[in-house]
N, C-alpha and C. Protein backbone atom coordinates (compact mmCIF):
# COMPACT_ATOMS: atom_id res chain seq x y z
N MET A 1 17.56 -21.45 5.36
CA MET A 1 16.90 -20.77 4.59
C MET A 1 16.84 -21.19 3.24
N GLY A 2 16.05 -21.91 2.61
CA GLY A 2 15.55 -22.50 1.28
C GLY A 2 15.95 -21.66 0.43
N LEU A 3 16.18 -21.26 -0.98
CA LEU A 3 15.56 -21.21 -2.20
C LEU A 3 14.42 -21.73 -2.18
N VAL A 4 13.19 -20.46 -2.85
CA VAL A 4 12.47 -20.43 -3.30
C VAL A 4 11.87 -20.89 -4.44
N VAL A 5 11.43 -21.96 -4.51
CA VAL A 5 10.89 -22.35 -5.90
C VAL A 5 9.79 -21.73 -6.57
N TYR A 6 9.72 -21.20 -7.09
CA TYR A 6 8.86 -20.62 -7.93
C TYR A 6 7.60 -22.20 -8.83
N LYS A 7 6.16 -21.76 -9.12
CA LYS A 7 5.76 -22.99 -9.90
C LYS A 7 4.79 -22.05 -10.76
N ARG A 8 5.07 -22.95 -12.16
CA ARG A 8 3.91 -21.48 -12.99
C ARG A 8 2.77 -21.87 -12.44
N GLY A 9 1.70 -20.33 -12.28
CA GLY A 9 0.97 -20.40 -11.95
C GLY A 9 0.47 -19.81 -10.15
N GLU A 10 1.63 -19.42 -9.64
CA GLU A 10 1.17 -18.97 -8.79
C GLU A 10 1.43 -17.38 -8.56
N ILE A 11 1.53 -16.80 -7.80
CA ILE A 11 1.24 -15.15 -7.76
C ILE A 11 1.67 -14.79 -6.55
N TYR A 12 2.77 -13.71 -7.02
CA TYR A 12 3.35 -13.55 -5.73
C TYR A 12 3.57 -11.90 -5.70
N LEU A 13 3.92 -10.82 -4.94
CA LEU A 13 4.54 -9.59 -5.14
C LEU A 13 5.74 -9.30 -6.19
N ALA A 14 5.90 -8.76 -6.89
CA ALA A 14 6.77 -7.94 -7.11
C ALA A 14 7.57 -6.66 -7.46
N LYS A 15 8.48 -6.27 -7.53
CA LYS A 15 8.92 -5.10 -7.25
C LYS A 15 9.40 -4.64 -8.88
N LEU A 16 8.61 -3.99 -9.62
CA LEU A 16 8.73 -3.59 -10.69
C LEU A 16 9.29 -2.41 -11.39
N ASN A 17 9.25 -1.74 -10.17
CA ASN A 17 9.86 -0.86 -10.58
C ASN A 17 11.49 -0.91 -10.69
N PRO A 18 12.33 0.35 -11.64
CA PRO A 18 11.89 1.01 -12.19
C PRO A 18 11.23 1.00 -13.25
N SER A 19 9.96 1.49 -13.98
CA SER A 19 9.57 1.17 -14.90
C SER A 19 9.46 2.40 -16.41
N LYS A 20 9.52 1.79 -17.42
CA LYS A 20 9.52 2.96 -18.58
C LYS A 20 8.21 3.55 -19.26
N GLY A 21 7.63 4.63 -19.68
CA GLY A 21 6.78 4.80 -20.45
C GLY A 21 5.30 3.92 -19.57
N LYS A 22 4.46 3.48 -20.46
CA LYS A 22 3.77 2.41 -20.12
C LYS A 22 3.33 1.36 -19.25
N GLU A 23 5.09 0.98 -19.45
CA GLU A 23 5.31 -0.20 -18.43
C GLU A 23 4.41 -0.35 -16.86
N PRO A 24 4.02 -1.15 -16.46
CA PRO A 24 3.20 -1.42 -15.34
C PRO A 24 4.38 -1.27 -14.32
N GLY A 25 4.68 -0.36 -13.07
CA GLY A 25 5.79 -0.42 -12.42
C GLY A 25 4.98 -0.46 -10.83
N LYS A 26 5.57 -0.05 -10.04
CA LYS A 26 5.58 -0.01 -8.21
C LYS A 26 5.08 -1.97 -8.01
N ILE A 27 4.96 -2.11 -6.67
CA ILE A 27 4.82 -3.30 -6.20
C ILE A 27 3.72 -3.90 -6.07
N ARG A 28 3.30 -5.15 -7.70
CA ARG A 28 2.11 -5.57 -7.73
C ARG A 28 2.01 -6.87 -7.94
N PRO A 29 0.90 -7.74 -8.04
CA PRO A 29 0.87 -9.01 -7.75
C PRO A 29 1.43 -9.22 -9.52
N VAL A 30 2.06 -10.35 -9.62
CA VAL A 30 2.66 -11.20 -10.83
C VAL A 30 2.42 -12.37 -10.89
N ILE A 31 2.05 -13.23 -12.09
CA ILE A 31 1.71 -14.33 -11.80
C ILE A 31 3.27 -15.22 -12.39
N ILE A 32 3.25 -16.29 -12.32
CA ILE A 32 4.64 -16.79 -12.44
C ILE A 32 4.09 -17.56 -13.98
N TYR A 33 4.85 -17.03 -14.90
CA TYR A 33 4.42 -17.84 -16.10
C TYR A 33 5.46 -18.72 -16.95
N GLN A 34 6.44 -18.97 -16.35
CA GLN A 34 7.31 -19.80 -17.60
C GLN A 34 7.13 -20.90 -17.22
N THR A 35 7.68 -21.75 -17.90
CA THR A 35 7.63 -23.30 -17.75
C THR A 35 8.31 -23.77 -16.15
N ASP A 36 7.78 -25.19 -15.59
CA ASP A 36 8.32 -25.25 -14.23
C ASP A 36 9.42 -25.75 -14.78
N PHE A 37 9.81 -26.20 -15.97
CA PHE A 37 11.56 -26.88 -15.99
C PHE A 37 12.45 -25.66 -15.82
N LEU A 38 12.27 -24.30 -15.92
CA LEU A 38 13.37 -23.33 -15.45
C LEU A 38 13.33 -23.33 -13.76
N ASN A 39 11.96 -23.15 -13.25
CA ASN A 39 11.76 -22.98 -12.45
C ASN A 39 12.32 -23.79 -11.44
N ASP A 40 12.30 -25.34 -11.76
CA ASP A 40 12.74 -26.15 -11.03
C ASP A 40 14.72 -26.33 -11.11
N VAL A 41 14.72 -25.63 -12.05
CA VAL A 41 16.52 -25.95 -12.19
C VAL A 41 17.27 -24.55 -11.72
N GLU A 42 16.12 -23.49 -10.71
CA GLU A 42 16.71 -22.61 -9.98
C GLU A 42 16.74 -21.28 -11.24
N HIS A 43 16.47 -21.32 -12.57
CA HIS A 43 16.80 -19.91 -13.42
C HIS A 43 16.92 -18.53 -13.06
N PRO A 44 17.68 -17.90 -13.04
CA PRO A 44 17.60 -16.80 -12.19
C PRO A 44 17.13 -15.18 -12.67
N THR A 45 16.25 -15.53 -13.82
CA THR A 45 14.99 -14.64 -13.70
C THR A 45 13.97 -15.41 -14.16
N THR A 46 12.47 -15.10 -13.99
CA THR A 46 11.54 -15.46 -14.32
C THR A 46 10.88 -15.02 -15.09
N THR A 47 10.17 -15.32 -15.92
CA THR A 47 8.83 -14.49 -17.04
C THR A 47 7.64 -14.53 -16.10
N VAL A 48 7.13 -13.59 -16.15
CA VAL A 48 5.61 -13.27 -15.15
C VAL A 48 4.90 -12.45 -16.41
N ILE A 49 3.89 -12.42 -15.54
CA ILE A 49 2.84 -11.75 -16.29
C ILE A 49 2.15 -10.26 -15.01
N PRO A 50 1.97 -8.88 -15.16
CA PRO A 50 1.71 -8.48 -14.04
C PRO A 50 0.06 -8.28 -13.59
N VAL A 51 -0.69 -7.98 -12.54
CA VAL A 51 -1.55 -8.04 -12.42
C VAL A 51 -1.98 -6.86 -11.96
N THR A 52 -2.92 -6.16 -12.50
CA THR A 52 -3.63 -5.10 -11.63
C THR A 52 -5.31 -5.25 -10.86
N THR A 53 -5.49 -4.18 -10.31
CA THR A 53 -6.74 -4.04 -9.58
C THR A 53 -7.79 -2.81 -10.88
N LYS A 54 -7.06 -2.19 -11.68
CA LYS A 54 -7.57 -1.50 -12.13
C LYS A 54 -8.48 -2.14 -13.31
N LEU A 55 -9.93 -2.58 -12.95
CA LEU A 55 -10.08 -3.89 -13.66
C LEU A 55 -10.80 -3.06 -15.38
N VAL A 56 -10.60 -3.69 -17.01
CA VAL A 56 -10.84 -3.45 -17.56
C VAL A 56 -11.89 -4.19 -18.33
N ASP A 57 -13.21 -3.89 -18.83
CA ASP A 57 -14.21 -4.86 -18.98
C ASP A 57 -13.63 -4.91 -20.66
N LYS A 58 -14.25 -5.76 -21.46
CA LYS A 58 -13.98 -5.90 -22.96
C LYS A 58 -13.07 -6.28 -23.26
N ALA A 59 -11.52 -6.63 -22.73
CA ALA A 59 -10.51 -5.91 -23.16
C ALA A 59 -9.51 -7.73 -23.70
N TYR A 60 -10.52 -8.41 -23.96
CA TYR A 60 -9.89 -9.66 -24.27
C TYR A 60 -9.19 -9.44 -25.85
N PRO A 61 -8.43 -10.12 -26.43
CA PRO A 61 -7.35 -11.07 -25.70
C PRO A 61 -6.46 -10.52 -24.82
N LEU A 62 -6.40 -8.92 -24.24
CA LEU A 62 -5.18 -7.88 -23.55
C LEU A 62 -5.39 -8.57 -21.91
N ARG A 63 -6.78 -8.78 -21.49
CA ARG A 63 -6.75 -8.98 -20.21
C ARG A 63 -7.43 -10.21 -19.51
N TYR A 64 -7.02 -10.90 -18.79
CA TYR A 64 -7.80 -12.29 -18.71
C TYR A 64 -8.23 -11.81 -16.79
N ARG A 65 -9.35 -11.61 -16.70
CA ARG A 65 -9.94 -11.84 -15.41
C ARG A 65 -9.91 -12.71 -14.49
N ILE A 66 -9.30 -12.19 -12.95
CA ILE A 66 -8.62 -13.33 -11.88
C ILE A 66 -9.79 -13.08 -10.76
N SER A 67 -10.74 -13.91 -10.21
CA SER A 67 -11.25 -13.35 -8.99
C SER A 67 -10.30 -14.04 -7.77
N LYS A 68 -10.74 -12.85 -6.71
CA LYS A 68 -10.56 -12.32 -5.24
C LYS A 68 -10.28 -13.89 -4.74
N ARG A 69 -8.88 -14.35 -4.61
CA ARG A 69 -8.78 -15.74 -3.71
C ARG A 69 -7.48 -15.30 -2.78
N GLN A 70 -7.66 -16.43 -1.68
CA GLN A 70 -6.63 -16.43 -0.48
C GLN A 70 -6.34 -15.01 -0.13
N MET A 71 -5.19 -14.88 -0.87
CA MET A 71 -3.96 -13.55 -0.19
C MET A 71 -4.09 -12.45 -1.31
N LEU A 72 -5.44 -12.89 -2.72
CA LEU A 72 -5.26 -12.21 -3.48
C LEU A 72 -6.37 -10.99 -3.35
N GLU A 73 -6.31 -10.09 -2.60
CA GLU A 73 -7.67 -9.33 -2.05
C GLU A 73 -9.25 -9.01 -2.72
N SER A 74 -8.68 -8.87 -4.31
CA SER A 74 -9.40 -7.96 -4.86
C SER A 74 -9.66 -8.75 -6.13
N ASP A 75 -10.64 -8.67 -6.99
CA ASP A 75 -10.76 -9.45 -8.41
C ASP A 75 -9.61 -8.21 -9.21
N SER A 76 -9.24 -9.03 -9.90
CA SER A 76 -7.86 -7.84 -10.47
C SER A 76 -7.93 -8.89 -12.10
N ASP A 77 -6.76 -8.52 -13.16
CA ASP A 77 -6.92 -8.83 -14.63
C ASP A 77 -5.22 -9.03 -14.71
N ALA A 78 -4.70 -9.89 -15.13
CA ALA A 78 -3.74 -10.10 -16.07
C ALA A 78 -3.57 -9.49 -16.81
N ILE A 79 -2.64 -8.63 -17.41
CA ILE A 79 -2.42 -8.15 -18.23
C ILE A 79 -1.29 -8.05 -18.94
N LEU A 80 -2.04 -9.17 -20.12
CA LEU A 80 -1.20 -10.04 -20.94
C LEU A 80 -0.06 -9.55 -21.91
N ASP A 81 -0.69 -8.39 -22.31
CA ASP A 81 0.29 -7.71 -23.40
C ASP A 81 2.08 -7.38 -22.49
N GLN A 82 1.86 -7.45 -21.19
CA GLN A 82 2.74 -6.84 -20.43
C GLN A 82 3.81 -7.84 -20.08
N ILE A 83 3.75 -8.79 -20.65
CA ILE A 83 4.59 -10.19 -19.81
C ILE A 83 6.19 -9.46 -19.90
N ARG A 84 6.63 -9.66 -18.82
CA ARG A 84 7.79 -9.31 -18.64
C ARG A 84 9.27 -10.91 -17.84
N THR A 85 10.63 -10.90 -18.45
CA THR A 85 10.75 -11.52 -17.49
C THR A 85 11.88 -10.54 -16.45
N ILE A 86 11.99 -11.16 -15.20
CA ILE A 86 12.22 -10.00 -14.43
C ILE A 86 13.63 -10.90 -13.59
N ASP A 87 14.77 -10.41 -12.64
CA ASP A 87 15.60 -11.26 -11.84
C ASP A 87 14.25 -11.08 -10.90
N ASN A 88 14.66 -12.29 -10.24
CA ASN A 88 13.87 -13.29 -9.43
C ASN A 88 14.25 -12.51 -7.90
N SER A 89 15.46 -11.70 -7.76
CA SER A 89 15.52 -10.75 -6.47
C SER A 89 14.35 -10.27 -6.09
N ARG A 90 13.52 -9.48 -7.50
CA ARG A 90 12.26 -8.51 -8.35
C ARG A 90 11.16 -9.49 -7.03
N ILE A 91 11.03 -10.52 -7.00
CA ILE A 91 10.07 -11.21 -6.36
C ILE A 91 9.82 -11.25 -4.52
N LEU A 92 8.77 -11.02 -4.04
CA LEU A 92 8.67 -10.86 -2.87
C LEU A 92 8.47 -11.39 -2.03
N GLY A 93 8.78 -12.12 -1.08
CA GLY A 93 7.44 -12.57 0.09
C GLY A 93 7.08 -13.91 -0.51
N ASP A 94 6.61 -14.32 0.29
CA ASP A 94 5.47 -15.96 0.03
C ASP A 94 4.50 -15.57 -1.40
N LYS A 95 3.86 -16.94 -1.24
CA LYS A 95 2.80 -16.72 -2.52
C LYS A 95 2.07 -16.29 -2.31
N ILE A 96 1.07 -15.22 -2.88
CA ILE A 96 -0.06 -15.27 -2.82
C ILE A 96 -1.50 -15.66 -2.96
N ALA A 97 -1.12 -16.10 -3.97
CA ALA A 97 -2.85 -17.24 -4.19
C ALA A 97 -1.85 -17.90 -5.88
N VAL A 98 -2.76 -18.80 -6.10
CA VAL A 98 -2.72 -20.06 -7.19
C VAL A 98 -3.65 -20.27 -8.01
N LEU A 99 -3.56 -19.92 -9.52
CA LEU A 99 -4.35 -19.89 -10.76
C LEU A 99 -4.72 -21.19 -10.47
N GLY A 100 -6.13 -22.28 -11.34
CA GLY A 100 -6.37 -23.41 -11.34
C GLY A 100 -6.02 -23.62 -12.74
N GLU A 101 -5.21 -24.86 -12.88
CA GLU A 101 -5.14 -25.52 -14.70
C GLU A 101 -6.19 -25.19 -15.21
N ILE A 102 -7.08 -24.52 -15.51
CA ILE A 102 -8.25 -24.49 -16.40
C ILE A 102 -7.87 -22.75 -16.57
N GLU A 103 -7.21 -21.73 -15.50
CA GLU A 103 -7.19 -20.35 -15.76
C GLU A 103 -6.16 -20.51 -16.53
N LEU A 104 -5.28 -20.97 -16.26
CA LEU A 104 -4.11 -21.04 -16.75
C LEU A 104 -4.26 -21.72 -18.20
N LYS A 105 -4.83 -22.04 -18.58
CA LYS A 105 -4.90 -22.78 -20.31
C LYS A 105 -5.75 -21.54 -20.78
N ASN A 106 -6.49 -20.95 -20.25
CA ASN A 106 -7.60 -19.81 -20.56
C ASN A 106 -6.38 -18.74 -21.12
N ILE A 107 -5.55 -18.30 -20.07
CA ILE A 107 -4.16 -17.77 -20.23
C ILE A 107 -3.70 -17.73 -21.76
N ASP A 108 -2.97 -19.18 -21.31
CA ASP A 108 -2.05 -19.76 -22.57
C ASP A 108 -3.10 -19.53 -23.89
N ARG A 109 -4.72 -19.43 -24.23
CA ARG A 109 -4.65 -19.52 -25.12
C ARG A 109 -5.06 -17.46 -25.94
N GLN A 110 -5.18 -16.82 -25.20
CA GLN A 110 -4.64 -15.63 -25.16
C GLN A 110 -3.73 -15.47 -25.77
N MET A 111 -2.83 -15.73 -24.63
CA MET A 111 -1.25 -15.41 -25.26
C MET A 111 -0.96 -15.74 -26.55
N VAL A 112 -1.22 -16.72 -27.02
CA VAL A 112 -1.13 -16.83 -28.48
C VAL A 112 -1.39 -16.07 -29.75
N ILE A 113 -2.63 -15.37 -29.06
CA ILE A 113 -3.25 -14.37 -30.01
C ILE A 113 -2.15 -13.14 -29.80
N VAL A 114 -2.42 -12.90 -28.62
CA VAL A 114 -1.12 -12.03 -28.29
C VAL A 114 0.42 -10.99 -28.83
N LEU A 115 0.66 -13.02 -28.77
CA LEU A 115 1.82 -12.87 -29.33
C LEU A 115 2.20 -13.57 -30.59
N GLY A 116 1.10 -13.87 -31.29
CA GLY A 116 0.80 -13.97 -32.58
C GLY A 116 1.94 -15.52 -32.85
N ILE A 117 1.14 -16.19 -32.35
CA ILE A 117 2.09 -17.88 -32.23
C ILE A 117 0.97 -18.21 -33.27
N SER A 118 1.29 -19.62 -33.89
CA SER A 118 0.47 -19.82 -35.13
C SER A 118 0.57 -21.22 -34.44
């Protein structure tokens, strides 16, 4: 069985425990967010954005709404202010969904605000 190569915009389940304070924990979906350059060279960690089914309206730019699709069973929010890098061993199983190019560009625009990139 070969190593899984993650791709930017794919959604997987990941084990985010142990968490501290207000960090999202438990097993939950995450968006693979780092560049495919790192993904393609089998980098040992992956930068992800946690996803929650606890929807918060009018939370721009901190949240981005994702409609249910493929094996993502509910509309969900990407929690953009909780971006984190995790060891690849925390990523579980098969891909559950994929974001489209426009969705990723929208997330990128919001991340510029969240991270204060000019």
